[in-house]
Amino acid sequence: MPAYRRPADVVVWQEWTPCSVTCGAGWKSRFRVCDHCDHHDYENVRIQLCMDKFYCPVDGNWGAWQSWGTCSTSCDKGIRTRTRKCNYPPPAYGGDYCPGEGVQEKECSLADCPVHGAWGEWSDLSTCSETCGPGQAVRSRTCDSPRPWGGGQDCQGPDKDVQPCTVAKCPVDGGWSRWSVWADCSVTCGRGYREQVKTCYTFVQTYPYRISGEDLRQPTPSARRPALSGGNHSP
C-alpha cells in the first residue's frame, strides 16, 4: 500500500491594502495566505510604496490684522478699515480658502465739516424811490440758506439788486422863449405896424432814459408885441 503524502500548501496572496495616506508618499501591503504560513514571517508579507496624489491640499489660514487705516473723510463721520491676508499659509493644491472676512470696518468721527453759505430767495422789490420820473427800486437777499459756519465760505455775489423804475411821467411847465427880432412893417408906405413874437415851449422827455441829443420841444405861439411903424422900439 503506498505511503500517505500530505498535499502541498495552497498559496494565495491577498489584495493590496489601500494606501496608508490619501496624498503624498505612503505604503500599502498584502499577505500570503496558506495553511502553515506565518504572517509575521517577512517572506509572507509584501510592502510597496504608494502615492495617490503627489501633493496634499493645503488649507489657507489668516495672517495677522494690519493696522487701522485713516478715516475716509477729513471731517464729520467716516469709516476706518483694516485688512488681513489669507497667507499663513495660503491655500494650495485644492485646499480651502480662509473662512471669514479679510476686511473689517469701524466708524470714525473727526471735527465738524465747515458749512459754506448759500443765498436765500430775493425779497420783493421796494417801492420806487421817485413818485414820478426815473427812480430806483431795490430788492435784497440774505446769506442764510444755510449761513456759513465752522470756517465755511461766505456767499458770493451782491446781496442787493437795484433796478430802474418809473411810476409816472413828471409834469413839465412850459417856458417862454426870447422875443424874436422885429418883423417887417405891415405896409410899404404910410402908417403900419410891425411885431415880434415869443413862444411857450413844453419840454418832452421819455422815461426812464432821456432821448439822446437836445430835448424835443413843442412850440406854442402865444404872445405878440406890436409896434407902430416908424418908431424906435427895442425888444
Foldseek 3Di string as FASTA:
>chain_A
DDDDDDDDKDKDKDDKDPFPDQAAKGKIKIFIDTDPDDRVDPVGMDMDIDGNHNDDWDAWDKDDKDDWDDFPDPAAKGKIKIFIDRPPPQTDDPHHYYPDDGMDMDMDHHHHDWDAWDKDDKDDWDDFPDQAEKGKIKIFIDRPPPQTDDPHHYDDDDGMDIDIDGNYHDAFFWDKDDKDDWDDFPDPDDKTKIKIWIWTWTFDADPPDGDPDDTDIDTDTDDMDMDIPPDDDDD
